[in-house]
Amino acid sequence: MSSALECWPTPPPRGWTADDLDHLPSEGPNGEPDFFKHVELIDGALLFASPGGASTSA
């Protein structure tokens, strides 16, 4: 059995680029469907949406 960290995408030496997003797998490290569907690239770091999503009220 492998740990989730073994499957987790590691950043390139100079950080992620927009082109790297095209090469991420569709499933997460533990087989979660659409894990990388809601990922953002900000200043070379990948930011993931929370699993339940965030709700805001106006």
PDB file of N, CA and C in Angstrom:
ATOM      1  N   MET A   1       0.847  -1.170   0.000  1.00  0.00           N
ATOM      2  CA  MET A   1       0.000   0.000   0.000  1.00  0.00           C
ATOM      3  C   MET A   1       0.895   1.237   0.000  1.00  0.00           C
ATOM      4  N   SER A   2       0.563   2.195  -0.850  1.00  0.00           N
ATOM      5  CA  SER A   2       1.359   3.410  -0.907  1.00  0.00           C
ATOM      6  C   SER A   2       0.647   4.536  -0.164  1.00  0.00           C
ATOM      7  N   SER A   3       1.441   5.462   0.312  1.00  0.00           N
ATOM      8  CA  SER A   3       0.842   6.595   1.008  1.00  0.00           C
ATOM      9  C   SER A   3       0.408   7.642  -0.017  1.00  0.00           C
ATOM     10  N   ALA A   4      -0.456   8.543   0.399  1.00  0.00           N
ATOM     11  CA  ALA A   4      -0.938   9.596  -0.495  1.00  0.00           C
ATOM     12  C   ALA A   4       0.205  10.497  -0.952  1.00  0.00           C
ATOM     13  N   LEU A   5       1.197  10.692  -0.083  1.00  0.00           N
ATOM     14  CA  LEU A   5       2.304  11.573  -0.445  1.00  0.00           C
ATOM     15  C   LEU A   5       3.155  11.011  -1.565  1.00  0.00           C
ATOM     16  N   GLU A   6       3.218   9.685  -1.693  1.00  0.00           N
ATOM     17  CA  GLU A   6       3.980   9.080  -2.776  1.00  0.00           C
ATOM     18  C   GLU A   6       3.360   9.400  -4.126  1.00  0.00           C
ATOM     19  N   CYS A   7       2.052   9.577  -4.184  1.00  0.00           N
ATOM     20  CA  CYS A   7       1.337   9.848  -5.424  1.00  0.00           C
ATOM     21  C   CYS A   7       1.091  11.329  -5.653  1.00  0.00           C
ATOM     22  N   TRP A   8       1.363  12.147  -4.651  1.00  0.00           N
ATOM     23  CA  TRP A   8       1.063  13.572  -4.738  1.00  0.00           C
ATOM     24  C   TRP A   8       2.015  14.232  -5.739  1.00  0.00           C
ATOM     25  N   PRO A   9       1.500  15.091  -6.616  1.00  0.00           N
ATOM     26  CA  PRO A   9       2.390  15.753  -7.573  1.00  0.00           C
ATOM     27  C   PRO A   9       3.348  16.711  -6.853  1.00  0.00           C
ATOM     28  N   THR A  10       4.619  16.574  -7.117  1.00  0.00           N
ATOM     29  CA  THR A  10       5.608  17.445  -6.489  1.00  0.00           C
ATOM     30  C   THR A  10       5.907  18.615  -7.420  1.00  0.00           C
ATOM     31  N   PRO A  11       6.090  19.802  -6.863  1.00  0.00           N
ATOM     32  CA  PRO A  11       6.311  20.972  -7.712  1.00  0.00           C
ATOM     33  C   PRO A  11       7.674  20.936  -8.389  1.00  0.00           C
ATOM     34  N   PRO A  12       7.745  21.475  -9.598  1.00  0.00           N
ATOM     35  CA  PRO A  12       9.040  21.624 -10.261  1.00  0.00           C
ATOM     36  C   PRO A  12       9.921  22.593  -9.460  1.00  0.00           C
ATOM     37  N   PRO A  13      11.227  22.592  -9.690  1.00  0.00           N
ATOM     38  CA  PRO A  13      12.138  23.448  -8.916  1.00  0.00           C
ATOM     39  C   PRO A  13      11.753  24.926  -8.895  1.00  0.00           C
ATOM     40  N   ARG A  14      11.207  25.457  -9.970  1.00  0.00           N
ATOM     41  CA  ARG A  14      10.846  26.880 -10.014  1.00  0.00           C
ATOM     42  C   ARG A  14       9.354  27.102  -9.815  1.00  0.00           C
ATOM     43  N   GLY A  15       8.651  26.112  -9.310  1.00  0.00           N
ATOM     44  CA  GLY A  15       7.215  26.236  -9.077  1.00  0.00           C
ATOM     45  C   GLY A  15       6.405  25.791 -10.285  1.00  0.00           C
ATOM     46  N   TRP A  16       5.109  25.724 -10.097  1.00  0.00           N
ATOM     47  CA  TRP A  16       4.195  25.297 -11.149  1.00  0.00           C
ATOM     48  C   TRP A  16       3.982  26.412 -12.161  1.00  0.00           C
ATOM     49  N   THR A  17       3.662  26.032 -13.402  1.00  0.00           N
ATOM     50  CA  THR A  17       3.284  26.984 -14.434  1.00  0.00           C
ATOM     51  C   THR A  17       1.898  26.606 -14.940  1.00  0.00           C
ATOM     52  N   ALA A  18       1.283  27.486 -15.697  1.00  0.00           N
ATOM     53  CA  ALA A  18      -0.045  27.203 -16.241  1.00  0.00           C
ATOM     54  C   ALA A  18      -0.025  25.959 -17.125  1.00  0.00           C
ATOM     55  N   ASP A  19       1.056  25.744 -17.872  1.00  0.00           N
ATOM     56  CA  ASP A  19       1.145  24.552 -18.722  1.00  0.00           C
ATOM     57  C   ASP A  19       1.137  23.265 -17.907  1.00  0.00           C
ATOM     58  N   ASP A  20       1.671  23.312 -16.688  1.00  0.00           N
ATOM     59  CA  ASP A  20       1.698  22.118 -15.839  1.00  0.00           C
ATOM     60  C   ASP A  20       0.295  21.659 -15.474  1.00  0.00           C
ATOM     61  N   LEU A  21      -0.651  22.587 -15.379  1.00  0.00           N
ATOM     62  CA  LEU A  21      -2.019  22.222 -15.013  1.00  0.00           C
ATOM     63  C   LEU A  21      -2.635  21.267 -16.035  1.00  0.00           C
ATOM     64  N   ASP A  22      -2.209  21.381 -17.291  1.00  0.00           N
ATOM     65  CA  ASP A  22      -2.730  20.496 -18.337  1.00  0.00           C
ATOM     66  C   ASP A  22      -2.263  19.058 -18.168  1.00  0.00           C
ATOM     67  N   HIS A  23      -1.225  18.842 -17.398  1.00  0.00           N
ATOM     68  CA  HIS A  23      -0.650  17.507 -17.255  1.00  0.00           C
ATOM     69  C   HIS A  23      -0.954  16.835 -15.922  1.00  0.00           C
ATOM     70  N   LEU A  24      -1.761  17.483 -15.087  1.00  0.00           N
ATOM     71  CA  LEU A  24      -2.151  16.864 -13.822  1.00  0.00           C
ATOM     72  C   LEU A  24      -3.153  15.745 -14.093  1.00  0.00           C
ATOM     73  N   PRO A  25      -3.123  14.684 -13.309  1.00  0.00           N
ATOM     74  CA  PRO A  25      -4.096  13.608 -13.507  1.00  0.00           C
ATOM     75  C   PRO A  25      -5.498  14.086 -13.137  1.00  0.00           C
ATOM     76  N   SER A  26      -6.503  13.418 -13.682  1.00  0.00           N
ATOM     77  CA  SER A  26      -7.878  13.822 -13.357  1.00  0.00           C
ATOM     78  C   SER A  26      -8.282  13.349 -11.970  1.00  0.00           C
ATOM     79  N   GLU A  27      -7.686  12.251 -11.515  1.00  0.00           N
ATOM     80  CA  GLU A  27      -8.013  11.706 -10.195  1.00  0.00           C
ATOM     81  C   GLU A  27      -6.965  12.127  -9.173  1.00  0.00           C
ATOM     82  N   GLY A  28      -7.378  12.184  -7.931  1.00  0.00           N
ATOM     83  CA  GLY A  28      -6.471  12.542  -6.853  1.00  0.00           C
ATOM     84  C   GLY A  28      -5.537  11.406  -6.479  1.00  0.00           C
ATOM     85  N   PRO A  29      -4.654  11.635  -5.521  1.00  0.00           N
ATOM     86  CA  PRO A  29      -3.664  10.637  -5.129  1.00  0.00           C
ATOM     87  C   PRO A  29      -4.276   9.348  -4.586  1.00  0.00           C
ATOM     88  N   ASN A  30      -5.495   9.399  -4.089  1.00  0.00           N
ATOM     89  CA  ASN A  30      -6.159   8.192  -3.586  1.00  0.00           C
ATOM     90  C   ASN A  30      -7.323   7.775  -4.479  1.00  0.00           C
ATOM     91  N   GLY A  31      -7.327   8.247  -5.728  1.00  0.00           N
ATOM     92  CA  GLY A  31      -8.363   7.866  -6.670  1.00  0.00           C
ATOM     93  C   GLY A  31      -9.627   8.706  -6.598  1.00  0.00           C
ATOM     94  N   GLU A  32      -9.568   9.854  -5.918  1.00  0.00           N
ATOM     95  CA  GLU A  32     -10.739  10.714  -5.814  1.00  0.00           C
ATOM     96  C   GLU A  32     -11.055  11.299  -7.192  1.00  0.00           C
ATOM     97  N   PRO A  33     -12.292  11.122  -7.664  1.00  0.00           N
ATOM     98  CA  PRO A  33     -12.638  11.652  -8.984  1.00  0.00           C
ATOM     99  C   PRO A  33     -12.644  13.179  -8.992  1.00  0.00           C
ATOM    100  N   ASP A  34     -12.169  13.746 -10.077  1.00  0.00           N
ATOM    101  CA  ASP A  34     -12.155  15.205 -10.279  1.00  0.00           C
ATOM    102  C   ASP A  34     -11.420  15.968  -9.182  1.00  0.00           C
ATOM    103  N   PHE A  35     -10.419  15.359  -8.572  1.00  0.00           N
ATOM    104  CA  PHE A  35      -9.673  15.987  -7.481  1.00  0.00           C
ATOM    105  C   PHE A  35      -9.007  17.291  -7.927  1.00  0.00           C
ATOM    106  N   PHE A  36      -8.432  17.277  -9.121  1.00  0.00           N
ATOM    107  CA  PHE A  36      -7.705  18.439  -9.605  1.00  0.00           C
ATOM    108  C   PHE A  36      -8.573  19.356 -10.468  1.00  0.00           C
ATOM    109  N   LYS A  37      -9.879  19.128 -10.470  1.00  0.00           N
ATOM    110  CA  LYS A  37     -10.785  19.916 -11.301  1.00  0.00           C
ATOM    111  C   LYS A  37     -10.880  21.366 -10.828  1.00  0.00           C
ATOM    112  N   HIS A  38     -10.822  21.581  -9.543  1.00  0.00           N
ATOM    113  CA  HIS A  38     -10.971  22.928  -8.980  1.00  0.00           C
ATOM    114  C   HIS A  38      -9.677  23.376  -8.304  1.00  0.00           C
ATOM    115  N   VAL A  39      -8.622  23.413  -9.086  1.00  0.00           N
ATOM    116  CA  VAL A  39      -7.324  23.845  -8.574  1.00  0.00           C
ATOM    117  C   VAL A  39      -6.978  25.186  -9.206  1.00  0.00           C
ATOM    118  N   GLU A  40      -6.342  26.050  -8.442  1.00  0.00           N
ATOM    119  CA  GLU A  40      -5.911  27.350  -8.943  1.00  0.00           C
ATOM    120  C   GLU A  40      -4.403  27.458  -8.817  1.00  0.00           C
ATOM    121  N   LEU A  41      -3.806  28.184  -9.726  1.00  0.00           N
ATOM    122  CA  LEU A  41      -2.371  28.443  -9.705  1.00  0.00           C
ATOM    123  C   LEU A  41      -2.159  29.898  -9.312  1.00  0.00           C
ATOM    124  N   ILE A  42      -1.543  30.113  -8.156  1.00  0.00           N
ATOM    125  CA  ILE A  42      -1.287  31.468  -7.676  1.00  0.00           C
ATOM    126  C   ILE A  42       0.171  31.557  -7.235  1.00  0.00           C
ATOM    127  N   ASP A  43       0.912  32.424  -7.890  1.00  0.00           N
ATOM    128  CA  ASP A  43       2.331  32.639  -7.579  1.00  0.00           C
ATOM    129  C   ASP A  43       3.129  31.344  -7.541  1.00  0.00           C
ATOM    130  N   GLY A  44       2.888  30.448  -8.485  1.00  0.00           N
ATOM    131  CA  GLY A  44       3.646  29.210  -8.585  1.00  0.00           C
ATOM    132  C   GLY A  44       3.220  28.115  -7.635  1.00  0.00           C
ATOM    133  N   ALA A  45       2.145  28.324  -6.895  1.00  0.00           N
ATOM    134  CA  ALA A  45       1.649  27.313  -5.954  1.00  0.00           C
ATOM    135  C   ALA A  45       0.271  26.836  -6.399  1.00  0.00           C
ATOM    136  N   LEU A  46       0.001  25.558  -6.210  1.00  0.00           N
ATOM    137  CA  LEU A  46      -1.321  25.015  -6.504  1.00  0.00           C
ATOM    138  C   LEU A  46      -2.192  25.158  -5.266  1.00  0.00           C
ATOM    139  N   LEU A  47      -3.368  25.745  -5.427  1.00  0.00           N
ATOM    140  CA  LEU A  47      -4.314  25.910  -4.331  1.00  0.00           C
ATOM    141  C   LEU A  47      -5.564  25.116  -4.674  1.00  0.00           C
ATOM    142  N   PHE A  48      -6.025  24.312  -3.719  1.00  0.00           N
ATOM    143  CA  PHE A  48      -7.161  23.434  -3.941  1.00  0.00           C
ATOM    144  C   PHE A  48      -8.378  23.940  -3.202  1.00  0.00           C
ATOM    145  N   ALA A  49      -9.546  23.772  -3.825  1.00  0.00           N
ATOM    146  CA  ALA A  49     -10.811  24.110  -3.171  1.00  0.00           C
ATOM    147  C   ALA A  49     -11.073  23.080  -2.087  1.00  0.00           C
ATOM    148  N   SER A  50     -11.756  23.480  -1.047  1.00  0.00           N
ATOM    149  CA  SER A  50     -12.088  22.530   0.014  1.00  0.00           C
ATOM    150  C   SER A  50     -13.083  21.501  -0.537  1.00  0.00           C
ATOM    151  N   PRO A  51     -13.058  20.270  -0.014  1.00  0.00           N
ATOM    152  CA  PRO A  51     -13.916  19.208  -0.527  1.00  0.00           C
ATOM    153  C   PRO A  51     -15.394  19.561  -0.493  1.00  0.00           C
ATOM    154  N   GLY A  52     -15.855  20.254   0.537  1.00  0.00           N
ATOM    155  CA  GLY A  52     -17.265  20.594   0.641  1.00  0.00           C
ATOM    156  C   GLY A  52     -17.620  21.908  -0.013  1.00  0.00           C
ATOM    157  N   GLY A  53     -16.616  22.635  -0.436  1.00  0.00           N
ATOM    158  CA  GLY A  53     -16.860  23.953  -1.007  1.00  0.00           C
ATOM    159  C   GLY A  53     -17.123  24.953   0.092  1.00  0.00           C
ATOM    160  N   ALA A  54     -17.004  26.171  -0.236  1.00  0.00           N
ATOM    161  CA  ALA A  54     -17.246  27.224   0.753  1.00  0.00           C
ATOM    162  C   ALA A  54     -18.548  27.919   0.410  1.00  0.00           C
ATOM    163  N   SER A  55     -19.315  28.207   1.416  1.00  0.00           N
ATOM    164  CA  SER A  55     -20.535  28.953   1.178  1.00  0.00           C
ATOM    165  C   SER A  55     -20.382  30.334   1.773  1.00  0.00           C
ATOM    166  N   THR A  56     -20.836  31.310   1.044  1.00  0.00           N
ATOM    167  CA  THR A  56     -20.764  32.675   1.542  1.00  0.00           C
ATOM    168  C   THR A  56     -22.160  33.269   1.521  1.00  0.00           C
ATOM    169  N   SER A  57     -22.405  34.169   2.420  1.00  0.00           N
ATOM    170  CA  SER A  57     -23.697  34.842   2.426  1.00  0.00           C
ATOM    171  C   SER A  57     -23.458  36.334   2.262  1.00  0.00           C
ATOM    172  N   ALA A  58     -24.347  36.969   1.564  1.00  0.00           N
ATOM    173  CA  ALA A  58     -24.201  38.403   1.313  1.00  0.00           C
ATOM    174  C   ALA A  58     -24.934  39.225   2.341  1.00  0.00           C
TER     175      ALA A  58
END
